Amino acid sequence: MGCRAVSGLLPGVAVVLLLLLQSTQSVYIQYQGFRVQLESMKKLSDLEAQWTPSPRLQAQSLLPAMCHHPALPQDLQPVCASKEASSIFKTLRTIANDDCELCVNVACTGCL
């Protein structure tokens, strides 16, 4: 009787594990050698909405203001080392907000 109970649980456990695995997969954006998570771009948008850098900081730095934010996601930090950081961030934002550029659905076959 104990074996039947365990074997009856296995399909349910397998389904739960598959759902957990599917939800942990991240969507990545690759652009000019940089690979960033879509979730990082969403976090960046939230940070920009909440944070206003000082005018002095903006005047002193050639880097985009978000590069100075202490909570900048780890995978976005290498972009700040690029001379074209501003344009790269702009393009990454465009890609992250365009469903035809970024397939956010696992079953996606492209846009028509």
N, C-alpha and C. Protein backbone atom coordinates (compact mmCIF):
# COMPACT_ATOMS: atom_id res chain seq x y z
N MET A 1 0.81 -1.17 0.00
CA MET A 1 0.00 0.00 0.00
C MET A 1 0.87 1.26 0.00
N GLY A 2 2.00 1.24 0.68
CA GLY A 2 2.91 2.36 0.72
C GLY A 2 3.49 2.68 -0.64
N CYS A 3 3.77 1.65 -1.44
CA CYS A 3 4.33 1.87 -2.78
C CYS A 3 3.30 2.53 -3.69
N ARG A 4 2.05 2.15 -3.56
CA ARG A 4 1.00 2.75 -4.40
C ARG A 4 0.85 4.24 -4.08
N ALA A 5 0.93 4.58 -2.81
CA ALA A 5 0.80 5.99 -2.42
C ALA A 5 1.95 6.81 -3.00
N VAL A 6 3.17 6.26 -2.93
CA VAL A 6 4.34 6.95 -3.46
C VAL A 6 4.24 7.08 -4.98
N SER A 7 3.86 5.99 -5.66
CA SER A 7 3.77 6.05 -7.12
C SER A 7 2.64 6.97 -7.56
N GLY A 8 1.62 7.14 -6.75
CA GLY A 8 0.54 8.07 -7.06
C GLY A 8 0.98 9.52 -6.91
N LEU A 9 1.96 9.76 -6.07
CA LEU A 9 2.47 11.11 -5.85
C LEU A 9 3.45 11.56 -6.93
N LEU A 10 4.12 10.61 -7.55
CA LEU A 10 5.18 10.96 -8.50
C LEU A 10 4.71 11.84 -9.65
N PRO A 11 3.58 11.55 -10.30
CA PRO A 11 3.16 12.46 -11.39
C PRO A 11 2.88 13.88 -10.89
N GLY A 12 2.29 14.00 -9.72
CA GLY A 12 2.03 15.33 -9.16
C GLY A 12 3.31 16.07 -8.85
N VAL A 13 4.29 15.38 -8.29
CA VAL A 13 5.58 15.99 -7.97
C VAL A 13 6.28 16.40 -9.26
N ALA A 14 6.20 15.57 -10.29
CA ALA A 14 6.84 15.89 -11.57
C ALA A 14 6.24 17.16 -12.17
N VAL A 15 4.93 17.30 -12.10
CA VAL A 15 4.27 18.49 -12.63
C VAL A 15 4.72 19.73 -11.86
N VAL A 16 4.78 19.64 -10.56
CA VAL A 16 5.23 20.78 -9.74
C VAL A 16 6.66 21.15 -10.09
N LEU A 17 7.53 20.17 -10.24
CA LEU A 17 8.93 20.44 -10.59
C LEU A 17 9.04 21.09 -11.96
N LEU A 18 8.27 20.62 -12.92
CA LEU A 18 8.30 21.22 -14.25
C LEU A 18 7.83 22.67 -14.22
N LEU A 19 6.80 22.95 -13.45
CA LEU A 19 6.32 24.33 -13.33
C LEU A 19 7.36 25.22 -12.68
N LEU A 20 8.03 24.70 -11.67
CA LEU A 20 9.09 25.47 -11.01
C LEU A 20 10.25 25.73 -11.95
N LEU A 21 10.65 24.73 -12.71
CA LEU A 21 11.75 24.89 -13.66
C LEU A 21 11.39 25.91 -14.73
N GLN A 22 10.18 25.84 -15.23
CA GLN A 22 9.76 26.76 -16.28
C GLN A 22 9.74 28.20 -15.77
N SER A 23 9.33 28.40 -14.52
CA SER A 23 9.25 29.75 -13.99
C SER A 23 10.62 30.32 -13.64
N THR A 24 11.65 29.48 -13.52
CA THR A 24 12.98 29.98 -13.18
C THR A 24 13.81 30.31 -14.41
N GLN A 25 13.33 29.96 -15.60
CA GLN A 25 14.07 30.29 -16.81
C GLN A 25 13.96 31.78 -17.07
N SER A 26 15.09 32.40 -17.34
CA SER A 26 15.12 33.83 -17.59
C SER A 26 15.12 34.11 -19.08
N VAL A 27 14.56 35.25 -19.44
CA VAL A 27 14.62 35.72 -20.82
C VAL A 27 15.80 36.67 -20.90
N TYR A 28 16.65 36.45 -21.89
CA TYR A 28 17.85 37.26 -22.05
C TYR A 28 17.78 38.09 -23.33
N ILE A 29 18.39 39.25 -23.27
CA ILE A 29 18.55 40.10 -24.44
C ILE A 29 20.04 40.12 -24.76
N GLN A 30 20.38 39.84 -26.00
CA GLN A 30 21.78 39.91 -26.42
C GLN A 30 21.92 41.04 -27.44
N TYR A 31 22.86 41.93 -27.16
CA TYR A 31 23.08 43.06 -28.05
C TYR A 31 24.53 43.52 -27.94
N GLN A 32 25.22 43.62 -29.05
CA GLN A 32 26.62 44.06 -29.12
C GLN A 32 27.52 43.40 -28.09
N GLY A 33 27.38 42.11 -27.94
CA GLY A 33 28.23 41.36 -27.03
C GLY A 33 27.79 41.37 -25.58
N PHE A 34 26.73 42.09 -25.26
CA PHE A 34 26.21 42.13 -23.90
C PHE A 34 25.00 41.21 -23.81
N ARG A 35 24.89 40.52 -22.69
CA ARG A 35 23.77 39.61 -22.45
C ARG A 35 23.16 40.01 -21.11
N VAL A 36 21.93 40.52 -21.18
CA VAL A 36 21.27 40.99 -19.96
C VAL A 36 19.90 40.35 -19.83
N GLN A 37 19.47 40.19 -18.62
CA GLN A 37 18.16 39.61 -18.38
C GLN A 37 17.07 40.66 -18.60
N LEU A 38 15.96 40.22 -19.15
CA LEU A 38 14.81 41.10 -19.32
C LEU A 38 14.40 41.67 -17.97
N GLU A 39 14.47 40.86 -16.95
CA GLU A 39 14.10 41.30 -15.60
C GLU A 39 15.01 42.45 -15.14
N SER A 40 16.28 42.43 -15.53
CA SER A 40 17.20 43.52 -15.17
C SER A 40 16.78 44.82 -15.84
N MET A 41 16.30 44.74 -17.08
CA MET A 41 15.85 45.94 -17.77
C MET A 41 14.59 46.51 -17.11
N LYS A 42 13.72 45.64 -16.63
CA LYS A 42 12.53 46.10 -15.92
C LYS A 42 12.93 46.78 -14.61
N LYS A 43 13.92 46.17 -13.92
CA LYS A 43 14.40 46.76 -12.67
C LYS A 43 15.06 48.11 -12.93
N LEU A 44 15.78 48.21 -14.03
CA LEU A 44 16.42 49.47 -14.39
C LEU A 44 15.38 50.57 -14.61
N SER A 45 14.30 50.24 -15.27
CA SER A 45 13.21 51.22 -15.49
C SER A 45 12.64 51.68 -14.16
N ASP A 46 12.46 50.75 -13.24
CA ASP A 46 11.96 51.10 -11.91
C ASP A 46 12.94 52.01 -11.17
N LEU A 47 14.23 51.69 -11.27
CA LEU A 47 15.26 52.50 -10.60
C LEU A 47 15.28 53.91 -11.16
N GLU A 48 15.19 54.02 -12.47
CA GLU A 48 15.22 55.35 -13.11
C GLU A 48 14.02 56.19 -12.69
N ALA A 49 12.88 55.54 -12.51
CA ALA A 49 11.67 56.25 -12.11
C ALA A 49 11.77 56.76 -10.67
N GLN A 50 12.52 56.07 -9.83
CA GLN A 50 12.61 56.41 -8.41
C GLN A 50 13.80 57.29 -8.07
N TRP A 51 14.79 57.36 -8.94
CA TRP A 51 16.06 58.00 -8.59
C TRP A 51 16.36 59.16 -9.52
N THR A 52 16.68 60.29 -8.93
CA THR A 52 17.11 61.44 -9.70
C THR A 52 18.53 61.79 -9.28
N PRO A 53 19.50 61.56 -10.17
CA PRO A 53 20.89 61.87 -9.80
C PRO A 53 21.09 63.38 -9.69
N SER A 54 22.08 63.74 -8.92
CA SER A 54 22.36 65.16 -8.74
C SER A 54 22.88 65.76 -10.06
N PRO A 55 22.56 67.01 -10.32
CA PRO A 55 23.06 67.66 -11.54
C PRO A 55 24.59 67.69 -11.59
N ARG A 56 25.21 67.78 -10.42
CA ARG A 56 26.68 67.78 -10.35
C ARG A 56 27.25 66.45 -10.83
N LEU A 57 26.62 65.35 -10.41
CA LEU A 57 27.05 64.02 -10.84
C LEU A 57 26.91 63.88 -12.35
N GLN A 58 25.80 64.35 -12.89
CA GLN A 58 25.57 64.25 -14.32
C GLN A 58 26.58 65.08 -15.11
N ALA A 59 26.94 66.22 -14.60
CA ALA A 59 27.88 67.11 -15.29
C ALA A 59 29.31 66.57 -15.24
N GLN A 60 29.65 65.86 -14.18
CA GLN A 60 31.02 65.38 -14.00
C GLN A 60 31.30 64.08 -14.73
N SER A 61 30.28 63.37 -15.13
CA SER A 61 30.49 62.03 -15.67
C SER A 61 30.04 61.94 -17.12
N LEU A 62 30.81 61.21 -17.89
CA LEU A 62 30.42 60.94 -19.28
C LEU A 62 29.51 59.71 -19.35
N LEU A 63 29.44 58.98 -18.25
CA LEU A 63 28.60 57.78 -18.20
C LEU A 63 27.14 58.16 -17.99
N PRO A 64 26.23 57.31 -18.45
CA PRO A 64 24.82 57.55 -18.15
C PRO A 64 24.61 57.55 -16.63
N ALA A 65 23.67 58.35 -16.17
CA ALA A 65 23.43 58.49 -14.73
C ALA A 65 23.16 57.15 -14.06
N MET A 66 22.46 56.25 -14.76
CA MET A 66 22.12 54.97 -14.14
C MET A 66 23.35 54.13 -13.79
N CYS A 67 24.47 54.42 -14.42
CA CYS A 67 25.70 53.68 -14.12
C CYS A 67 26.21 53.98 -12.71
N HIS A 68 25.74 55.06 -12.12
CA HIS A 68 26.16 55.43 -10.77
C HIS A 68 25.18 54.95 -9.71
N HIS A 69 24.11 54.34 -10.12
CA HIS A 69 23.11 53.89 -9.15
C HIS A 69 23.65 52.66 -8.42
N PRO A 70 23.62 52.67 -7.09
CA PRO A 70 24.17 51.55 -6.32
C PRO A 70 23.41 50.23 -6.53
N ALA A 71 22.16 50.30 -6.95
CA ALA A 71 21.37 49.08 -7.12
C ALA A 71 21.29 48.64 -8.59
N LEU A 72 22.19 49.15 -9.44
CA LEU A 72 22.21 48.73 -10.84
C LEU A 72 22.41 47.22 -10.91
N PRO A 73 21.54 46.50 -11.61
CA PRO A 73 21.70 45.04 -11.69
C PRO A 73 23.09 44.65 -12.21
N GLN A 74 23.59 43.57 -11.67
CA GLN A 74 24.95 43.09 -11.95
C GLN A 74 25.20 42.89 -13.45
N ASP A 75 24.22 42.34 -14.17
CA ASP A 75 24.46 42.05 -15.58
C ASP A 75 24.43 43.31 -16.46
N LEU A 76 24.01 44.44 -15.91
CA LEU A 76 24.03 45.71 -16.67
C LEU A 76 25.31 46.50 -16.43
N GLN A 77 26.07 46.16 -15.40
CA GLN A 77 27.27 46.91 -15.06
C GLN A 77 28.33 46.89 -16.16
N PRO A 78 28.54 45.79 -16.88
CA PRO A 78 29.53 45.82 -17.96
C PRO A 78 29.18 46.81 -19.08
N VAL A 79 27.91 47.09 -19.27
CA VAL A 79 27.50 48.06 -20.29
C VAL A 79 28.09 49.43 -19.96
N CYS A 80 28.18 49.75 -18.69
CA CYS A 80 28.72 51.05 -18.26
C CYS A 80 30.19 51.22 -18.63
N ALA A 81 30.90 50.15 -18.86
CA ALA A 81 32.31 50.24 -19.23
C ALA A 81 32.48 50.57 -20.72
N SER A 82 31.40 50.50 -21.47
CA SER A 82 31.46 50.78 -22.90
C SER A 82 31.40 52.28 -23.17
N LYS A 83 32.11 52.72 -24.20
CA LYS A 83 32.05 54.13 -24.60
C LYS A 83 30.68 54.49 -25.15
N GLU A 84 29.95 53.49 -25.62
CA GLU A 84 28.62 53.70 -26.20
C GLU A 84 27.51 53.30 -25.24
N ALA A 85 27.76 53.41 -23.94
CA ALA A 85 26.79 52.95 -22.94
C ALA A 85 25.41 53.58 -23.12
N SER A 86 25.36 54.87 -23.39
CA SER A 86 24.06 55.54 -23.53
C SER A 86 23.24 54.95 -24.67
N SER A 87 23.87 54.77 -25.81
CA SER A 87 23.12 54.22 -26.96
C SER A 87 22.79 52.75 -26.75
N ILE A 88 23.65 52.02 -26.05
CA ILE A 88 23.37 50.60 -25.78
C ILE A 88 22.18 50.49 -24.84
N PHE A 89 22.15 51.30 -23.78
CA PHE A 89 21.00 51.28 -22.88
C PHE A 89 19.71 51.66 -23.62
N LYS A 90 19.80 52.64 -24.49
CA LYS A 90 18.62 53.06 -25.26
C LYS A 90 18.10 51.90 -26.11
N THR A 91 19.00 51.20 -26.79
CA THR A 91 18.60 50.09 -27.64
C THR A 91 18.06 48.93 -26.80
N LEU A 92 18.70 48.64 -25.68
CA LEU A 92 18.21 47.57 -24.80
C LEU A 92 16.81 47.88 -24.29
N ARG A 93 16.55 49.15 -23.96
CA ARG A 93 15.20 49.55 -23.52
C ARG A 93 14.19 49.32 -24.64
N THR A 94 14.56 49.69 -25.86
CA THR A 94 13.67 49.51 -27.01
C THR A 94 13.36 48.04 -27.22
N ILE A 95 14.39 47.21 -27.18
CA ILE A 95 14.19 45.77 -27.36
C ILE A 95 13.32 45.20 -26.25
N ALA A 96 13.59 45.60 -25.02
CA ALA A 96 12.85 45.07 -23.87
C ALA A 96 11.37 45.44 -23.93
N ASN A 97 11.04 46.55 -24.56
CA ASN A 97 9.65 47.01 -24.62
C ASN A 97 8.93 46.60 -25.89
N ASP A 98 9.61 45.93 -26.80
CA ASP A 98 9.02 45.58 -28.09
C ASP A 98 8.83 44.07 -28.17
N ASP A 99 7.57 43.64 -28.10
CA ASP A 99 7.28 42.20 -28.14
C ASP A 99 7.70 41.55 -29.45
N CYS A 100 7.81 42.33 -30.52
CA CYS A 100 8.23 41.75 -31.80
C CYS A 100 9.75 41.57 -31.85
N GLU A 101 10.48 42.31 -31.05
CA GLU A 101 11.93 42.14 -30.97
C GLU A 101 12.31 41.07 -29.96
N LEU A 102 11.48 40.91 -28.95
CA LEU A 102 11.79 40.02 -27.85
C LEU A 102 10.65 39.04 -27.67
N CYS A 103 10.95 37.78 -27.75
CA CYS A 103 9.92 36.76 -27.58
C CYS A 103 9.80 36.46 -26.09
N VAL A 104 8.71 36.91 -25.49
CA VAL A 104 8.53 36.69 -24.05
C VAL A 104 7.69 35.46 -23.77
N ASN A 105 7.19 34.84 -24.79
CA ASN A 105 6.38 33.64 -24.66
C ASN A 105 7.21 32.44 -25.09
N VAL A 106 7.26 31.42 -24.28
CA VAL A 106 8.06 30.22 -24.59
C VAL A 106 7.64 29.61 -25.93
N ALA A 107 6.35 29.69 -26.26
CA ALA A 107 5.85 29.09 -27.49
C ALA A 107 5.86 30.06 -28.65
N CYS A 108 6.53 31.18 -28.53
CA CYS A 108 6.54 32.22 -29.54
C CYS A 108 7.15 31.74 -30.85
N THR A 109 6.54 32.10 -31.95
CA THR A 109 7.10 31.75 -33.26
C THR A 109 7.43 33.00 -34.04
N GLY A 110 7.32 34.17 -33.43
CA GLY A 110 7.62 35.41 -34.10
C GLY A 110 6.37 36.23 -34.33
N CYS A 111 6.59 37.46 -34.74
CA CYS A 111 5.46 38.36 -34.98
C CYS A 111 5.07 38.34 -36.43
N LEU A 112 3.82 38.55 -36.68
CA LEU A 112 3.32 38.60 -38.05
C LEU A 112 3.18 40.03 -38.51
